[in-house]
Amino acid sequence: MTQQTKIVRTYGLWFLDMATILASYLIVTYIRFAETRDYGDRTQHYLVGVLFLLFCTIYTFFIDWNRDILTRGYLREVFEIGKFMVLMLLIVLAAAYFLRWADQLSRFVVGNFVWICALLLFVVHILFKRVMRRMITSEKLVVRLLVVSARERMDHVVKSLATLNDEGYRVVATRFLDDENITEEMVTIPFDEVFIDAPDLPQDRVRKLIEGFEEMGVVCHYNLSLPDAGDAATRVASFGDYTVVSYTMFRSSYKRLLIKRVIDIIGGLIGSLITVVLSVFIIPAIKLESKGPAFFSQTRVGKNGRRFTIYKFRSMYADAEERLKELQDKNEVQGPMFKIKDDPRVTKVGRFLRKTSLDEFPQFFNILKGDMSLVGTRPPTEAEFERYNEHYRRRISMTPGLTGLWQVSGRSDIEAFDDVVRLDLKYIDNWSLMLDFKILFQTIGVVLKGSGAR
């Protein structure tokens, strides 16, 4: 199970379990005392409810009773919930007795709380499992796995890894160990992680293979062996039926990534509403100057090679893509990215939109969808991506952003693509929530000054 899935499973179920316990306790309290309101000491009565919540928190994070929830069936679910309820009742009642709160409890409340809470927990868990399975197997969230193994072992390895399907993994490509230039061949293929099964491969070849994937920024799971892999962090873990050593360049917490996504959703909602208001003024201006749609859409390459459609207010003439070939020899950026000063394809309205960065606002819809983030790396076009090497590939190991370190470090004034890559990798290697907030504030200043915009 991926770290992201574990975090959502643990914290999501903890929140739902707490809400279920609280709702059950309040429901039976209301039914019992709806007319008389005779609680005795109301504070102590509700403090018993707090004890139930405290037990749930301890049991969730120390016992991790829901760690196998996605694989257990209905009968196992009933058993686990039953065990949870019995232990919770015994421990809480014992605590209430020693704290001398027991005399404030109604047998009606306790008895009905048990079966109502157990029933609701069962329903909540079943629904949660269905949502989680659908979520982790969706095209956006499924972890795309590359398998590298010997020809004679490949079928067996792929079949063994099929057990990971319920945990959000999907084998999308395979490569044989005797293939030449495996990492070079995989640069433009969308995948998130790689599983290497090479027990008989010499260590120098294994090291070279791992370093190639490390350069791309993808998580690498190596079966059995323990070669040195440079700067990548390592951990020993279970992967399906195998014990592996996993190498990754990502050193931050997935909990922080979850917070980053929540911030993106909030920012995406606000930005999308602003975009709707701006459209009232910008769309007529675009239409009056030139024929064509008001919005520009283009396929871009997102995290680990996933394709998505990016949206902008159109700032160029409708035939801009067709005219690109005749302008290639005027490219001012060294590398696969294309930029020229005073681009003749840009309209008068487009120059204003670009100068003020208003053309970027429709990308808030991409952020809301999860294709992009508020802060990240610049998403390349497919044409750019086709010219990538392993080193360039690592810049898409994080979700692309509306703004990023290279945008606040000169934007279009940067003339070498290697400088863009250097800044993007600096952002990835040093990523934190504070860095995101810093870049967001710097972006506001850059946009207001119009620095580097074309």
Protein backbone atom coordinates (compact mmCIF):
# COMPACT_ATOMS: atom_id res chain seq x y z
CA MET A 1 0.00 0.00 0.00
CA THR A 2 1.34 3.43 -0.92
CA GLN A 3 2.10 5.99 1.78
CA GLN A 4 -0.61 8.28 0.42
CA THR A 5 -3.20 5.51 0.67
CA LYS A 6 -2.10 4.66 4.22
CA ILE A 7 -2.49 8.27 5.31
CA VAL A 8 -5.94 8.62 3.76
CA ARG A 9 -6.98 5.26 5.20
CA THR A 10 -5.70 5.96 8.71
CA TYR A 11 -6.78 9.56 9.14
CA GLY A 12 -9.95 9.23 7.07
CA LEU A 13 -11.22 6.25 9.07
CA TRP A 14 -10.17 7.82 12.35
CA PHE A 15 -12.24 10.91 11.55
CA LEU A 16 -15.23 8.80 10.44
CA ASP A 17 -15.01 6.52 13.48
CA MET A 18 -14.85 9.52 15.82
CA ALA A 19 -17.84 11.11 14.07
CA THR A 20 -19.80 7.84 14.28
CA ILE A 21 -19.08 7.37 17.99
CA LEU A 22 -19.98 10.97 18.77
CA ALA A 23 -23.17 10.84 16.71
CA SER A 24 -24.25 7.54 18.30
CA TYR A 25 -23.67 8.83 21.83
CA LEU A 26 -25.56 12.07 21.18
CA ILE A 27 -28.44 10.23 19.50
CA VAL A 28 -29.06 7.84 22.40
CA THR A 29 -28.57 10.69 24.89
CA TYR A 30 -31.22 12.73 23.10
CA ILE A 31 -33.64 9.78 22.95
CA ARG A 32 -33.20 8.98 26.65
CA PHE A 33 -33.37 12.54 27.98
CA ALA A 34 -35.45 14.29 25.31
CA GLU A 35 -38.32 14.95 27.71
CA THR A 36 -36.87 14.90 31.22
CA ARG A 37 -33.44 16.47 30.55
CA ASP A 38 -32.40 14.82 33.81
CA TYR A 39 -28.77 13.91 33.12
CA GLY A 40 -27.59 14.09 36.67
CA ASP A 41 -24.19 15.71 36.28
CA ARG A 42 -24.23 16.62 32.59
CA THR A 43 -20.50 17.34 32.48
CA GLN A 44 -19.62 13.86 33.69
CA HIS A 45 -22.16 12.32 31.32
CA TYR A 46 -20.50 13.93 28.31
CA LEU A 47 -17.00 13.28 29.66
CA VAL A 48 -17.79 9.57 29.36
CA GLY A 49 -18.40 10.27 25.68
CA VAL A 50 -14.99 11.93 25.53
CA LEU A 51 -13.49 8.72 26.96
CA PHE A 52 -15.05 6.77 24.07
CA LEU A 53 -13.39 9.18 21.62
CA LEU A 54 -10.07 8.96 23.46
CA PHE A 55 -10.15 5.16 23.29
CA CYS A 56 -10.89 5.33 19.56
CA THR A 57 -7.88 7.59 18.99
CA ILE A 58 -5.50 5.37 20.97
CA TYR A 59 -6.81 2.17 19.38
CA THR A 60 -6.53 3.64 15.88
CA PHE A 61 -2.98 4.96 16.10
CA PHE A 62 -1.37 2.44 18.46
CA ILE A 63 -3.17 -0.76 17.50
CA ASP A 64 -3.85 0.29 13.87
CA TRP A 65 -6.94 -1.90 13.80
CA ASN A 66 -7.94 -0.78 10.31
CA ARG A 67 -4.63 -1.55 8.59
CA ASP A 68 -6.17 -4.42 6.56
CA ILE A 69 -9.62 -2.91 6.07
CA LEU A 70 -9.40 -2.94 2.26
CA THR A 71 -8.86 -6.69 2.13
CA ARG A 72 -11.14 -8.00 4.87
CA GLY A 73 -14.63 -9.30 4.03
CA TYR A 74 -18.00 -8.75 5.69
CA LEU A 75 -17.60 -11.42 8.40
CA ARG A 76 -14.11 -10.23 9.28
CA GLU A 77 -15.44 -6.67 9.42
CA VAL A 78 -18.17 -7.72 11.86
CA PHE A 79 -15.59 -9.49 14.01
CA GLU A 80 -13.18 -6.51 14.10
CA ILE A 81 -15.94 -4.03 14.92
CA GLY A 82 -17.29 -6.37 17.59
CA LYS A 83 -13.84 -6.69 19.18
CA PHE A 84 -13.40 -2.92 19.03
CA MET A 85 -16.78 -2.28 20.71
CA VAL A 86 -16.23 -4.84 23.48
CA LEU A 87 -12.77 -3.51 24.35
CA MET A 88 -13.98 0.10 24.21
CA LEU A 89 -16.95 -0.62 26.46
CA LEU A 90 -14.93 -2.56 29.04
CA ILE A 91 -12.10 -0.02 29.26
CA VAL A 92 -14.32 3.07 29.27
CA LEU A 93 -16.70 1.65 31.88
CA ALA A 94 -13.74 0.65 34.04
CA ALA A 95 -12.30 4.15 33.73
CA ALA A 96 -15.71 5.69 34.52
CA TYR A 97 -15.98 3.48 37.60
CA PHE A 98 -12.57 4.54 38.98
CA LEU A 99 -13.32 8.18 38.19
CA ARG A 100 -16.69 7.80 39.95
CA TRP A 101 -18.63 8.82 36.84
CA ALA A 102 -20.46 5.50 36.47
CA ASP A 103 -23.46 6.61 38.50
CA GLN A 104 -24.12 9.30 35.88
CA LEU A 105 -24.53 6.73 33.11
CA SER A 106 -27.90 5.40 32.02
CA ARG A 107 -28.10 1.70 31.18
CA PHE A 108 -30.42 2.68 28.36
CA VAL A 109 -27.74 4.99 26.93
CA VAL A 110 -24.93 2.44 27.23
CA GLY A 111 -26.95 -0.49 25.87
CA ASN A 112 -28.35 1.32 22.86
CA PHE A 113 -25.08 3.13 22.18
CA VAL A 114 -23.32 -0.21 21.68
CA TRP A 115 -25.60 -1.62 18.97
CA ILE A 116 -26.26 1.70 17.21
CA CYS A 117 -22.55 2.56 17.12
CA ALA A 118 -21.60 -0.95 15.93
CA LEU A 119 -24.21 -0.86 13.16
CA LEU A 120 -23.17 2.60 12.01
CA LEU A 121 -19.48 1.67 12.07
CA PHE A 122 -20.20 -1.34 9.87
CA VAL A 123 -22.10 0.78 7.33
CA VAL A 124 -19.46 3.54 7.38
CA HIS A 125 -16.61 1.06 6.90
CA ILE A 126 -18.30 -0.69 3.98
CA LEU A 127 -18.98 2.62 2.25
CA PHE A 128 -15.46 3.85 3.00
CA LYS A 129 -13.94 0.71 1.47
CA ARG A 130 -15.95 1.11 -1.70
CA VAL A 131 -14.93 4.75 -2.05
CA MET A 132 -11.28 3.97 -1.29
CA ARG A 133 -11.10 1.11 -3.81
CA ARG A 134 -12.67 3.27 -6.48
CA MET A 135 -10.35 6.14 -5.62
CA ILE A 136 -7.04 4.28 -5.53
CA THR A 137 -7.78 2.41 -8.78
CA SER A 138 -8.83 5.55 -10.69
CA GLU A 139 -6.67 6.70 -13.59
CA LYS A 140 -5.52 9.78 -11.70
CA LEU A 141 -4.51 8.11 -8.44
CA VAL A 142 -3.46 4.59 -9.42
CA VAL A 143 0.29 4.03 -9.04
CA ARG A 144 1.67 3.00 -12.42
CA LEU A 145 4.31 0.32 -11.98
CA LEU A 146 7.14 -0.66 -14.33
CA VAL A 147 8.49 -4.19 -13.83
CA VAL A 148 12.09 -5.01 -14.77
CA SER A 149 13.02 -8.70 -14.63
CA ALA A 150 14.62 -11.57 -16.53
CA ARG A 151 12.66 -12.99 -19.46
CA GLU A 152 12.20 -16.40 -17.84
CA ARG A 153 10.91 -14.83 -14.58
CA MET A 154 8.74 -12.01 -15.95
CA ASP A 155 5.40 -13.86 -16.10
CA HIS A 156 5.82 -15.15 -12.55
CA VAL A 157 6.80 -11.71 -11.19
CA VAL A 158 3.91 -9.90 -12.90
CA LYS A 159 1.44 -12.52 -11.66
CA SER A 160 2.79 -12.21 -8.10
CA LEU A 161 2.51 -8.42 -8.17
CA ALA A 162 -1.17 -8.68 -9.16
CA THR A 163 -1.90 -8.87 -5.43
CA LEU A 164 -1.06 -5.16 -5.29
CA ASN A 165 -4.01 -4.22 -7.51
CA ASP A 166 -6.28 -3.78 -4.48
CA GLU A 167 -3.70 -1.47 -2.93
CA GLY A 168 -3.71 0.99 -5.81
CA TYR A 169 -0.92 -0.38 -8.04
CA ARG A 170 -1.16 -1.32 -11.71
CA VAL A 171 1.57 -2.85 -13.87
CA VAL A 172 1.69 -0.65 -16.98
CA ALA A 173 4.96 -1.72 -18.59
CA THR A 174 7.63 -4.41 -18.44
CA ARG A 175 11.26 -4.45 -19.53
CA PHE A 176 13.66 -7.39 -19.71
CA LEU A 177 17.05 -7.17 -18.02
CA ASP A 178 18.84 -7.93 -21.27
CA ASP A 179 17.26 -4.90 -22.98
CA GLU A 180 19.74 -2.16 -23.78
CA ASN A 181 19.28 1.34 -22.32
CA ILE A 182 16.21 0.53 -20.21
CA THR A 183 16.06 3.90 -18.47
CA GLU A 184 16.52 5.83 -21.72
CA GLU A 185 13.62 3.92 -23.29
CA MET A 186 11.34 4.74 -20.35
CA VAL A 187 11.90 8.52 -20.25
CA THR A 188 8.68 9.36 -22.12
CA ILE A 189 6.56 6.49 -20.74
CA PRO A 190 4.11 7.41 -17.92
CA PHE A 191 4.98 5.44 -14.78
CA ASP A 192 5.37 6.25 -11.08
CA GLU A 193 7.43 3.45 -9.57
CA VAL A 194 9.63 0.59 -10.74
CA PHE A 195 10.06 -2.93 -9.35
CA ILE A 196 13.41 -4.52 -10.18
CA ASP A 197 13.75 -8.28 -9.83
CA ALA A 198 17.39 -9.03 -10.66
CA PRO A 199 18.84 -11.57 -8.20
CA ASP A 200 21.48 -12.76 -10.70
CA LEU A 201 22.46 -9.37 -12.12
CA PRO A 202 25.96 -8.08 -11.24
CA GLN A 203 25.92 -5.31 -8.65
CA ASP A 204 27.53 -2.75 -10.94
CA ARG A 205 24.72 -3.16 -13.48
CA VAL A 206 22.10 -3.03 -10.72
CA ARG A 207 23.65 0.16 -9.36
CA LYS A 208 23.65 1.76 -12.82
CA LEU A 209 20.02 0.76 -13.35
CA ILE A 210 18.88 2.15 -9.99
CA GLU A 211 20.84 5.36 -10.49
CA GLY A 212 19.13 5.82 -13.87
CA PHE A 213 15.67 5.61 -12.29
CA GLU A 214 16.88 7.73 -9.36
CA GLU A 215 17.85 10.42 -11.88
CA MET A 216 14.25 10.36 -13.16
CA GLY A 217 12.90 10.89 -9.65
CA VAL A 218 10.74 7.74 -9.54
CA VAL A 219 10.51 5.37 -6.56
CA CYS A 220 12.58 2.25 -7.17
CA HIS A 221 11.85 -1.07 -5.40
CA TYR A 222 14.75 -3.52 -5.60
CA ASN A 223 14.14 -7.14 -4.72
CA LEU A 224 16.56 -8.68 -2.20
CA SER A 225 19.91 -7.02 -2.97
CA LEU A 226 21.36 -3.99 -1.19
CA PRO A 227 23.54 -1.91 -3.56
CA ASP A 228 24.67 1.62 -2.78
CA ALA A 229 22.41 4.04 -4.69
CA GLY A 230 23.90 7.48 -4.12
CA ASP A 231 21.65 10.10 -2.57
CA ALA A 232 18.41 8.09 -2.61
CA ALA A 233 16.80 7.33 0.75
CA THR A 234 16.29 3.60 1.33
CA ARG A 235 13.91 1.48 3.33
CA VAL A 236 13.24 -2.24 3.62
CA ALA A 237 9.58 -3.13 3.19
CA SER A 238 7.12 -5.69 1.88
CA PHE A 239 6.00 -5.32 -1.72
CA GLY A 240 3.37 -7.87 -2.63
CA ASP A 241 4.92 -11.24 -1.89
CA TYR A 242 8.46 -9.85 -1.97
CA THR A 243 10.84 -8.23 0.48
CA VAL A 244 12.38 -5.23 -1.23
CA VAL A 245 14.72 -2.35 -0.69
CA SER A 246 13.02 0.84 -1.91
CA TYR A 247 15.00 3.85 -3.10
CA THR A 248 13.43 7.29 -3.39
CA MET A 249 14.63 10.86 -3.80
CA PHE A 250 11.49 12.14 -2.09
CA ARG A 251 12.30 12.76 1.58
CA SER A 252 9.31 14.75 2.80
CA SER A 253 6.15 13.56 4.54
CA TYR A 254 3.11 12.40 2.59
CA LYS A 255 1.02 14.02 5.32
CA ARG A 256 2.37 17.37 4.16
CA LEU A 257 1.45 16.46 0.59
CA LEU A 258 -2.10 15.82 1.81
CA ILE A 259 -2.13 19.29 3.39
CA LYS A 260 -0.75 20.70 0.13
CA ARG A 261 -3.66 19.11 -1.76
CA VAL A 262 -6.21 20.59 0.67
CA ILE A 263 -4.65 24.02 0.13
CA ASP A 264 -4.80 23.44 -3.63
CA ILE A 265 -8.51 22.62 -3.46
CA ILE A 266 -9.24 25.78 -1.47
CA GLY A 267 -7.07 27.89 -3.80
CA GLY A 268 -8.57 26.19 -6.85
CA LEU A 269 -12.11 26.99 -5.73
CA ILE A 270 -11.29 30.65 -5.07
CA GLY A 271 -9.32 30.99 -8.30
CA SER A 272 -12.05 29.31 -10.36
CA LEU A 273 -14.66 31.76 -9.04
CA ILE A 274 -12.36 34.69 -9.91
CA THR A 275 -11.84 33.18 -13.38
CA VAL A 276 -15.60 33.09 -13.97
CA VAL A 277 -15.84 36.81 -13.09
CA LEU A 278 -12.82 37.70 -15.27
CA SER A 279 -14.32 35.76 -18.19
CA VAL A 280 -17.13 38.31 -18.44
CA PHE A 281 -14.56 40.95 -19.46
CA ILE A 282 -11.76 38.93 -21.06
CA ILE A 283 -13.76 36.69 -23.43
CA PRO A 284 -15.38 39.59 -25.37
CA ALA A 285 -11.98 41.33 -25.66
CA ILE A 286 -10.38 38.19 -27.12
CA LYS A 287 -13.27 37.61 -29.52
CA LEU A 288 -13.31 41.21 -30.77
CA GLU A 289 -9.65 41.18 -31.79
CA SER A 290 -9.29 37.77 -33.41
CA LYS A 291 -11.32 34.81 -34.56
CA GLY A 292 -11.20 31.56 -32.64
CA PRO A 293 -12.12 30.18 -29.22
CA ALA A 294 -11.62 32.37 -26.15
CA PHE A 295 -9.90 29.53 -24.31
CA PHE A 296 -6.69 27.81 -25.36
CA SER A 297 -6.29 24.15 -24.51
CA GLN A 298 -3.22 21.98 -24.99
CA THR A 299 -2.01 18.56 -23.92
CA ARG A 300 0.71 18.87 -21.31
CA VAL A 301 2.76 16.29 -19.43
CA GLY A 302 2.05 16.09 -15.71
CA LYS A 303 3.40 14.08 -12.80
CA ASN A 304 5.51 11.13 -13.93
CA GLY A 305 4.38 11.42 -17.55
CA ARG A 306 0.61 11.62 -17.13
CA ARG A 307 -1.03 13.62 -19.92
CA PHE A 308 -3.66 16.25 -19.16
CA THR A 309 -5.31 19.18 -20.90
CA ILE A 310 -4.19 22.60 -19.69
CA TYR A 311 -6.48 25.63 -20.02
CA LYS A 312 -5.61 29.29 -20.57
CA PHE A 313 -7.27 32.41 -21.93
CA ARG A 314 -6.14 32.50 -25.58
CA SER A 315 -3.34 35.03 -26.00
CA MET A 316 -2.29 34.07 -29.53
CA TYR A 317 -3.92 33.96 -32.93
CA ALA A 318 -5.86 30.78 -33.67
CA ASP A 319 -3.18 29.47 -36.09
CA ALA A 320 -0.35 29.84 -33.56
CA GLU A 321 0.43 26.12 -33.41
CA GLU A 322 0.71 25.89 -37.21
CA ARG A 323 3.09 28.88 -37.31
CA LEU A 324 5.37 27.44 -34.63
CA LYS A 325 7.53 25.48 -37.10
CA GLU A 326 8.54 28.59 -39.03
CA LEU A 327 9.68 30.26 -35.80
CA GLN A 328 11.76 27.39 -34.37
CA ASP A 329 15.03 28.84 -35.67
CA LYS A 330 14.36 32.01 -33.62
CA ASN A 331 14.06 30.15 -30.31
CA GLU A 332 15.91 32.07 -27.59
CA VAL A 333 16.02 29.23 -25.06
CA GLN A 334 18.80 26.66 -25.15
CA GLY A 335 17.11 23.28 -24.87
CA PRO A 336 13.70 21.72 -25.62
CA MET A 337 11.62 24.69 -24.37
CA PHE A 338 10.48 27.34 -26.88
CA LYS A 339 10.42 31.09 -26.09
CA ILE A 340 11.00 34.19 -28.23
CA LYS A 341 10.75 37.87 -27.48
CA ASP A 342 7.93 39.79 -29.21
CA ASP A 343 6.33 36.59 -30.50
CA PRO A 344 4.37 37.64 -33.64
CA ARG A 345 1.68 35.09 -32.85
CA VAL A 346 0.63 36.99 -29.71
CA THR A 347 -2.35 39.33 -30.08
CA LYS A 348 -2.55 42.82 -28.56
CA VAL A 349 -5.03 41.59 -25.97
CA GLY A 350 -2.78 38.58 -25.45
CA ARG A 351 0.22 40.79 -24.63
CA PHE A 352 -1.81 42.49 -21.92
CA LEU A 353 -3.04 39.14 -20.59
CA ARG A 354 0.50 37.77 -20.48
CA LYS A 355 1.97 40.92 -18.94
CA THR A 356 -0.57 40.71 -16.11
CA SER A 357 -0.60 36.86 -16.05
CA LEU A 358 -4.39 36.94 -16.48
CA ASP A 359 -4.10 34.32 -19.24
CA GLU A 360 -3.09 31.78 -16.58
CA PHE A 361 -6.29 32.02 -14.49
CA PRO A 362 -8.20 29.13 -16.21
CA GLN A 363 -5.49 26.82 -14.83
CA PHE A 364 -7.26 27.07 -11.48
CA PHE A 365 -9.69 24.54 -12.97
CA ASN A 366 -6.71 22.23 -13.60
CA ILE A 367 -5.71 22.71 -9.94
CA LEU A 368 -9.23 21.86 -8.80
CA LYS A 369 -9.18 18.68 -10.91
CA GLY A 370 -5.84 17.64 -9.44
CA ASP A 371 -3.85 17.85 -12.68
CA MET A 372 -1.86 20.78 -11.28
CA SER A 373 -0.96 22.40 -7.97
CA LEU A 374 -0.74 26.04 -6.92
CA VAL A 375 3.04 25.65 -6.68
CA GLY A 376 5.14 23.13 -8.57
CA THR A 377 7.23 22.71 -11.69
CA ARG A 378 6.34 23.94 -15.17
CA PRO A 379 4.37 21.29 -17.15
CA PRO A 380 6.14 20.61 -20.48
CA THR A 381 4.44 20.19 -23.84
CA GLU A 382 4.52 16.75 -25.43
CA ALA A 383 7.03 18.01 -28.01
CA GLU A 384 9.36 19.18 -25.23
CA PHE A 385 8.91 15.95 -23.31
CA GLU A 386 9.92 13.83 -26.29
CA ARG A 387 13.38 15.46 -26.09
CA TYR A 388 13.92 14.76 -22.38
CA ASN A 389 16.70 12.63 -20.91
CA GLU A 390 16.75 10.94 -17.46
CA HIS A 391 17.98 14.12 -15.77
CA TYR A 392 15.22 16.28 -17.26
CA ARG A 393 12.61 13.62 -16.48
CA ARG A 394 13.01 14.13 -12.70
CA ARG A 395 11.49 17.62 -12.90
CA ILE A 396 8.07 15.98 -13.48
CA SER A 397 8.36 13.73 -10.41
CA MET A 398 6.09 16.22 -8.60
CA THR A 399 2.74 17.65 -9.67
CA PRO A 400 3.24 20.65 -11.99
CA GLY A 401 2.24 24.05 -10.67
CA LEU A 402 0.62 27.32 -11.67
CA THR A 403 3.75 29.00 -10.33
CA GLY A 404 7.12 27.77 -9.17
CA LEU A 405 10.68 28.60 -8.28
CA TRP A 406 11.72 29.34 -11.85
CA GLN A 407 8.77 31.70 -12.37
CA VAL A 408 9.83 33.86 -9.41
CA SER A 409 13.50 33.71 -10.44
CA GLY A 410 13.23 35.53 -13.75
CA ARG A 411 10.34 33.79 -15.55
CA SER A 412 10.84 34.32 -19.31
CA ASP A 413 14.19 36.09 -18.76
CA ILE A 414 15.80 32.68 -18.20
CA GLU A 415 17.49 31.73 -21.48
CA ALA A 416 18.72 28.18 -20.82
CA PHE A 417 16.45 25.23 -20.19
CA ASP A 418 19.09 23.72 -17.91
CA ASP A 419 18.53 26.72 -15.59
CA VAL A 420 14.80 25.94 -15.51
CA VAL A 421 15.60 22.31 -14.67
CA ARG A 422 18.09 23.37 -11.99
CA LEU A 423 15.49 25.57 -10.28
CA ASP A 424 12.78 22.93 -10.57
CA LEU A 425 15.00 20.26 -9.03
CA LYS A 426 16.02 22.69 -6.30
CA TYR A 427 12.32 23.10 -5.53
CA ILE A 428 11.71 19.32 -5.52
CA ASP A 429 14.73 18.52 -3.33
CA ASN A 430 13.92 21.26 -0.81
CA TRP A 431 10.13 21.14 -0.93
CA SER A 432 8.16 22.17 2.14
CA LEU A 433 4.85 23.87 2.83
CA MET A 434 6.73 26.99 3.93
CA LEU A 435 8.58 27.07 0.60
CA ASP A 436 5.21 26.90 -1.21
CA PHE A 437 3.87 29.86 0.79
CA LYS A 438 7.08 31.79 0.14
CA ILE A 439 6.81 31.22 -3.62
CA LEU A 440 3.13 32.18 -3.63
CA PHE A 441 3.88 35.52 -1.96
CA GLN A 442 6.84 36.11 -4.29
CA THR A 443 4.61 35.33 -7.27
CA ILE A 444 2.20 38.08 -6.26
CA GLY A 445 5.07 40.57 -6.25
CA VAL A 446 6.45 39.33 -9.58
CA VAL A 447 3.01 39.54 -11.24
CA LEU A 448 2.36 43.06 -9.91
CA LYS A 449 5.74 44.21 -11.23
CA GLY A 450 5.34 42.31 -14.50
CA SER A 451 8.87 40.96 -14.07
CA GLY A 452 10.03 38.65 -16.84
CA ALA A 453 6.56 38.32 -18.38
CA ARG A 454 6.17 38.05 -22.15
